[in-house]
Amino acid sequence: MKKSSLIISFLSLALIVLAPTLFYMDSITLETNKMLMTIATAAWFASSFCWMGREKKD
């Protein structure tokens, strides 16, 4: 579970960088860019809570 959520969060961060780049290159529309950024942000927040835990105290 932790490993898969880590992979999902890094893929989401990659999409957050890729979507505006594709928009800048006129490969996608503004609406598509907004949708991809929203989905990627939500996926990152949802998956980061699974692997970014608190440090355990001794």
PDB file of N, CA and C in Angstrom:
ATOM      1  N   MET A   1       0.827  -1.197   0.000  1.00  0.00           N
ATOM      2  CA  MET A   1       0.000   0.000   0.000  1.00  0.00           C
ATOM      3  C   MET A   1       0.867   1.255   0.000  1.00  0.00           C
ATOM      4  N   LYS A   2       1.883   1.242   0.849  1.00  0.00           N
ATOM      5  CA  LYS A   2       2.739   2.417   0.947  1.00  0.00           C
ATOM      6  C   LYS A   2       3.511   2.630  -0.347  1.00  0.00           C
ATOM      7  N   LYS A   3       3.985   1.545  -0.934  1.00  0.00           N
ATOM      8  CA  LYS A   3       4.775   1.653  -2.161  1.00  0.00           C
ATOM      9  C   LYS A   3       3.906   2.136  -3.331  1.00  0.00           C
ATOM     10  N   SER A   4       2.685   1.624  -3.432  1.00  0.00           N
ATOM     11  CA  SER A   4       1.818   2.043  -4.535  1.00  0.00           C
ATOM     12  C   SER A   4       1.382   3.501  -4.388  1.00  0.00           C
ATOM     13  N   SER A   5       1.131   3.935  -3.166  1.00  0.00           N
ATOM     14  CA  SER A   5       0.751   5.340  -2.980  1.00  0.00           C
ATOM     15  C   SER A   5       1.942   6.262  -3.247  1.00  0.00           C
ATOM     16  N   LEU A   6       3.145   5.798  -2.985  1.00  0.00           N
ATOM     17  CA  LEU A   6       4.346   6.573  -3.306  1.00  0.00           C
ATOM     18  C   LEU A   6       4.482   6.742  -4.811  1.00  0.00           C
ATOM     19  N   ILE A   7       4.242   5.677  -5.550  1.00  0.00           N
ATOM     20  CA  ILE A   7       4.324   5.740  -7.011  1.00  0.00           C
ATOM     21  C   ILE A   7       3.242   6.661  -7.564  1.00  0.00           C
ATOM     22  N   ILE A   8       2.026   6.555  -7.039  1.00  0.00           N
ATOM     23  CA  ILE A   8       0.929   7.413  -7.500  1.00  0.00           C
ATOM     24  C   ILE A   8       1.231   8.883  -7.228  1.00  0.00           C
ATOM     25  N   SER A   9       1.806   9.172  -6.074  1.00  0.00           N
ATOM     26  CA  SER A   9       2.096  10.570  -5.754  1.00  0.00           C
ATOM     27  C   SER A   9       3.182  11.142  -6.661  1.00  0.00           C
ATOM     28  N   PHE A  10       4.198  10.344  -6.986  1.00  0.00           N
ATOM     29  CA  PHE A  10       5.235  10.842  -7.887  1.00  0.00           C
ATOM     30  C   PHE A  10       4.724  10.990  -9.320  1.00  0.00           C
ATOM     31  N   LEU A  11       3.841  10.094  -9.754  1.00  0.00           N
ATOM     32  CA  LEU A  11       3.238  10.245 -11.075  1.00  0.00           C
ATOM     33  C   LEU A  11       2.345  11.484 -11.126  1.00  0.00           C
ATOM     34  N   SER A  12       1.675  11.767 -10.036  1.00  0.00           N
ATOM     35  CA  SER A  12       0.842  12.972  -9.963  1.00  0.00           C
ATOM     36  C   SER A  12       1.692  14.230 -10.060  1.00  0.00           C
ATOM     37  N   LEU A  13       2.816  14.227  -9.374  1.00  0.00           N
ATOM     38  CA  LEU A  13       3.712  15.385  -9.457  1.00  0.00           C
ATOM     39  C   LEU A  13       4.270  15.556 -10.865  1.00  0.00           C
ATOM     40  N   ALA A  14       4.540  14.448 -11.527  1.00  0.00           N
ATOM     41  CA  ALA A  14       5.010  14.522 -12.912  1.00  0.00           C
ATOM     42  C   ALA A  14       3.927  15.106 -13.820  1.00  0.00           C
ATOM     43  N   LEU A  15       2.683  14.737 -13.578  1.00  0.00           N
ATOM     44  CA  LEU A  15       1.576  15.280 -14.369  1.00  0.00           C
ATOM     45  C   LEU A  15       1.378  16.763 -14.098  1.00  0.00           C
ATOM     46  N   ILE A  16       1.641  17.196 -12.869  1.00  0.00           N
ATOM     47  CA  ILE A  16       1.532  18.613 -12.539  1.00  0.00           C
ATOM     48  C   ILE A  16       2.562  19.436 -13.317  1.00  0.00           C
ATOM     49  N   VAL A  17       3.693  18.857 -13.611  1.00  0.00           N
ATOM     50  CA  VAL A  17       4.706  19.546 -14.416  1.00  0.00           C
ATOM     51  C   VAL A  17       4.412  19.389 -15.914  1.00  0.00           C
ATOM     52  N   LEU A  18       3.913  18.225 -16.301  1.00  0.00           N
ATOM     53  CA  LEU A  18       3.704  17.936 -17.719  1.00  0.00           C
ATOM     54  C   LEU A  18       2.526  18.705 -18.318  1.00  0.00           C
ATOM     55  N   ALA A  19       1.440  18.852 -17.574  1.00  0.00           N
ATOM     56  CA  ALA A  19       0.235  19.499 -18.114  1.00  0.00           C
ATOM     57  C   ALA A  19       0.482  20.944 -18.569  1.00  0.00           C
ATOM     58  N   PRO A  20       1.112  21.806 -17.744  1.00  0.00           N
ATOM     59  CA  PRO A  20       1.360  23.164 -18.244  1.00  0.00           C
ATOM     60  C   PRO A  20       2.357  23.203 -19.405  1.00  0.00           C
ATOM     61  N   THR A  21       3.272  22.252 -19.420  1.00  0.00           N
ATOM     62  CA  THR A  21       4.223  22.188 -20.534  1.00  0.00           C
ATOM     63  C   THR A  21       3.500  21.860 -21.832  1.00  0.00           C
ATOM     64  N   LEU A  22       2.582  20.908 -21.777  1.00  0.00           N
ATOM     65  CA  LEU A  22       1.796  20.581 -22.969  1.00  0.00           C
ATOM     66  C   LEU A  22       0.912  21.748 -23.395  1.00  0.00           C
ATOM     67  N   PHE A  23       0.376  22.476 -22.438  1.00  0.00           N
ATOM     68  CA  PHE A  23      -0.436  23.654 -22.765  1.00  0.00           C
ATOM     69  C   PHE A  23       0.422  24.731 -23.419  1.00  0.00           C
ATOM     70  N   TYR A  24       1.612  24.925 -22.909  1.00  0.00           N
ATOM     71  CA  TYR A  24       2.522  25.924 -23.473  1.00  0.00           C
ATOM     72  C   TYR A  24       2.888  25.582 -24.915  1.00  0.00           C
ATOM     73  N   MET A  25       2.998  24.289 -25.197  1.00  0.00           N
ATOM     74  CA  MET A  25       3.341  23.839 -26.548  1.00  0.00           C
ATOM     75  C   MET A  25       2.103  23.729 -27.444  1.00  0.00           C
ATOM     76  N   ASP A  26       0.945  24.187 -26.979  1.00  0.00           N
ATOM     77  CA  ASP A  26      -0.321  24.134 -27.716  1.00  0.00           C
ATOM     78  C   ASP A  26      -0.745  22.716 -28.082  1.00  0.00           C
ATOM     79  N   SER A  27      -0.417  21.752 -27.230  1.00  0.00           N
ATOM     80  CA  SER A  27      -0.847  20.373 -27.464  1.00  0.00           C
ATOM     81  C   SER A  27      -2.201  20.088 -26.824  1.00  0.00           C
ATOM     82  N   ILE A  28      -2.535  20.830 -25.760  1.00  0.00           N
ATOM     83  CA  ILE A  28      -3.814  20.647 -25.081  1.00  0.00           C
ATOM     84  C   ILE A  28      -4.457  22.017 -24.872  1.00  0.00           C
ATOM     85  N   THR A  29      -5.756  21.999 -24.635  1.00  0.00           N
ATOM     86  CA  THR A  29      -6.472  23.264 -24.417  1.00  0.00           C
ATOM     87  C   THR A  29      -6.362  23.681 -22.955  1.00  0.00           C
ATOM     88  N   LEU A  30      -6.815  24.893 -22.675  1.00  0.00           N
ATOM     89  CA  LEU A  30      -6.782  25.404 -21.318  1.00  0.00           C
ATOM     90  C   LEU A  30      -7.692  24.583 -20.403  1.00  0.00           C
ATOM     91  N   GLU A  31      -8.859  24.200 -20.906  1.00  0.00           N
ATOM     92  CA  GLU A  31      -9.784  23.406 -20.104  1.00  0.00           C
ATOM     93  C   GLU A  31      -9.189  22.047 -19.751  1.00  0.00           C
ATOM     94  N   THR A  32      -8.512  21.424 -20.703  1.00  0.00           N
ATOM     95  CA  THR A  32      -7.863  20.144 -20.448  1.00  0.00           C
ATOM     96  C   THR A  32      -6.738  20.310 -19.435  1.00  0.00           C
ATOM     97  N   ASN A  33      -6.002  21.398 -19.551  1.00  0.00           N
ATOM     98  CA  ASN A  33      -4.929  21.680 -18.609  1.00  0.00           C
ATOM     99  C   ASN A  33      -5.477  21.833 -17.195  1.00  0.00           C
ATOM    100  N   LYS A  34      -6.556  22.586 -17.060  1.00  0.00           N
ATOM    101  CA  LYS A  34      -7.167  22.781 -15.742  1.00  0.00           C
ATOM    102  C   LYS A  34      -7.656  21.466 -15.157  1.00  0.00           C
ATOM    103  N   MET A  35      -8.264  20.620 -16.000  1.00  0.00           N
ATOM    104  CA  MET A  35      -8.773  19.342 -15.539  1.00  0.00           C
ATOM    105  C   MET A  35      -7.627  18.425 -15.085  1.00  0.00           C
ATOM    106  N   LEU A  36      -6.561  18.360 -15.878  1.00  0.00           N
ATOM    107  CA  LEU A  36      -5.423  17.519 -15.519  1.00  0.00           C
ATOM    108  C   LEU A  36      -4.744  17.999 -14.244  1.00  0.00           C
ATOM    109  N   MET A  37      -4.618  19.312 -14.099  1.00  0.00           N
ATOM    110  CA  MET A  37      -3.992  19.854 -12.894  1.00  0.00           C
ATOM    111  C   MET A  37      -4.843  19.575 -11.659  1.00  0.00           C
ATOM    112  N   THR A  38      -6.158  19.678 -11.790  1.00  0.00           N
ATOM    113  CA  THR A  38      -7.050  19.403 -10.663  1.00  0.00           C
ATOM    114  C   THR A  38      -7.002  17.937 -10.269  1.00  0.00           C
ATOM    115  N   ILE A  39      -7.047  17.054 -11.255  1.00  0.00           N
ATOM    116  CA  ILE A  39      -6.992  15.616 -10.973  1.00  0.00           C
ATOM    117  C   ILE A  39      -5.652  15.242 -10.346  1.00  0.00           C
ATOM    118  N   ALA A  40      -4.567  15.773 -10.888  1.00  0.00           N
ATOM    119  CA  ALA A  40      -3.240  15.448 -10.367  1.00  0.00           C
ATOM    120  C   ALA A  40      -3.050  15.975  -8.949  1.00  0.00           C
ATOM    121  N   THR A  41      -3.559  17.159  -8.680  1.00  0.00           N
ATOM    122  CA  THR A  41      -3.440  17.720  -7.336  1.00  0.00           C
ATOM    123  C   THR A  41      -4.233  16.894  -6.328  1.00  0.00           C
ATOM    124  N   ALA A  42      -5.454  16.524  -6.693  1.00  0.00           N
ATOM    125  CA  ALA A  42      -6.274  15.705  -5.801  1.00  0.00           C
ATOM    126  C   ALA A  42      -5.645  14.335  -5.576  1.00  0.00           C
ATOM    127  N   ALA A  43      -5.095  13.749  -6.629  1.00  0.00           N
ATOM    128  CA  ALA A  43      -4.446  12.441  -6.496  1.00  0.00           C
ATOM    129  C   ALA A  43      -3.203  12.537  -5.612  1.00  0.00           C
ATOM    130  N   TRP A  44      -2.457  13.637  -5.738  1.00  0.00           N
ATOM    131  CA  TRP A  44      -1.271  13.778  -4.903  1.00  0.00           C
ATOM    132  C   TRP A  44      -1.649  13.914  -3.434  1.00  0.00           C
ATOM    133  N   PHE A  45      -2.630  14.754  -3.142  1.00  0.00           N
ATOM    134  CA  PHE A  45      -3.038  14.918  -1.751  1.00  0.00           C
ATOM    135  C   PHE A  45      -3.590  13.615  -1.178  1.00  0.00           C
ATOM    136  N   ALA A  46      -4.356  12.896  -1.962  1.00  0.00           N
ATOM    137  CA  ALA A  46      -4.937  11.640  -1.471  1.00  0.00           C
ATOM    138  C   ALA A  46      -3.868  10.582  -1.236  1.00  0.00           C
ATOM    139  N   SER A  47      -2.886  10.505  -2.115  1.00  0.00           N
ATOM    140  CA  SER A  47      -1.878   9.451  -1.986  1.00  0.00           C
ATOM    141  C   SER A  47      -0.745   9.828  -1.034  1.00  0.00           C
ATOM    142  N   SER A  48      -0.492  11.106  -0.858  1.00  0.00           N
ATOM    143  CA  SER A  48       0.636  11.485   0.005  1.00  0.00           C
ATOM    144  C   SER A  48       0.353  11.224   1.477  1.00  0.00           C
ATOM    145  N   PHE A  49      -0.924  11.246   1.870  1.00  0.00           N
ATOM    146  CA  PHE A  49      -1.250  10.973   3.261  1.00  0.00           C
ATOM    147  C   PHE A  49      -0.911   9.535   3.648  1.00  0.00           C
ATOM    148  N   CYS A  50      -0.862   8.642   2.680  1.00  0.00           N
ATOM    149  CA  CYS A  50      -0.586   7.229   2.978  1.00  0.00           C
ATOM    150  C   CYS A  50       0.887   6.966   3.260  1.00  0.00           C
ATOM    151  N   TRP A  51       1.785   7.695   2.623  1.00  0.00           N
ATOM    152  CA  TRP A  51       3.201   7.394   2.838  1.00  0.00           C
ATOM    153  C   TRP A  51       3.961   8.488   3.567  1.00  0.00           C
ATOM    154  N   MET A  52       3.399   9.668   3.703  1.00  0.00           N
ATOM    155  CA  MET A  52       4.071  10.743   4.432  1.00  0.00           C
ATOM    156  C   MET A  52       3.555  10.770   5.875  1.00  0.00           C
ATOM    157  N   GLY A  53       3.911   9.754   6.609  1.00  0.00           N
ATOM    158  CA  GLY A  53       3.434   9.660   7.980  1.00  0.00           C
ATOM    159  C   GLY A  53       4.338  10.386   8.955  1.00  0.00           C
ATOM    160  N   ARG A  54       3.900  10.402  10.160  1.00  0.00           N
ATOM    161  CA  ARG A  54       4.717  10.994  11.222  1.00  0.00           C
ATOM    162  C   ARG A  54       5.804  10.013  11.608  1.00  0.00           C
ATOM    163  N   GLU A  55       6.892  10.554  12.110  1.00  0.00           N
ATOM    164  CA  GLU A  55       7.956   9.687  12.590  1.00  0.00           C
ATOM    165  C   GLU A  55       7.515   9.052  13.903  1.00  0.00           C
ATOM    166  N   LYS A  56       7.838   7.790  14.046  1.00  0.00           N
ATOM    167  CA  LYS A  56       7.448   7.077  15.264  1.00  0.00           C
ATOM    168  C   LYS A  56       8.370   7.454  16.401  1.00  0.00           C
ATOM    169  N   LYS A  57       7.781   7.671  17.567  1.00  0.00           N
ATOM    170  CA  LYS A  57       8.572   8.001  18.754  1.00  0.00           C
ATOM    171  C   LYS A  57       9.000   6.700  19.442  1.00  0.00           C
ATOM    172  N   ASP A  58      10.156   6.744  20.022  1.00  0.00           N
ATOM    173  CA  ASP A  58      10.647   5.551  20.728  1.00  0.00           C
ATOM    174  C   ASP A  58      10.009   5.376  22.076  1.00  0.00           C
TER     175      ASP A  58
END
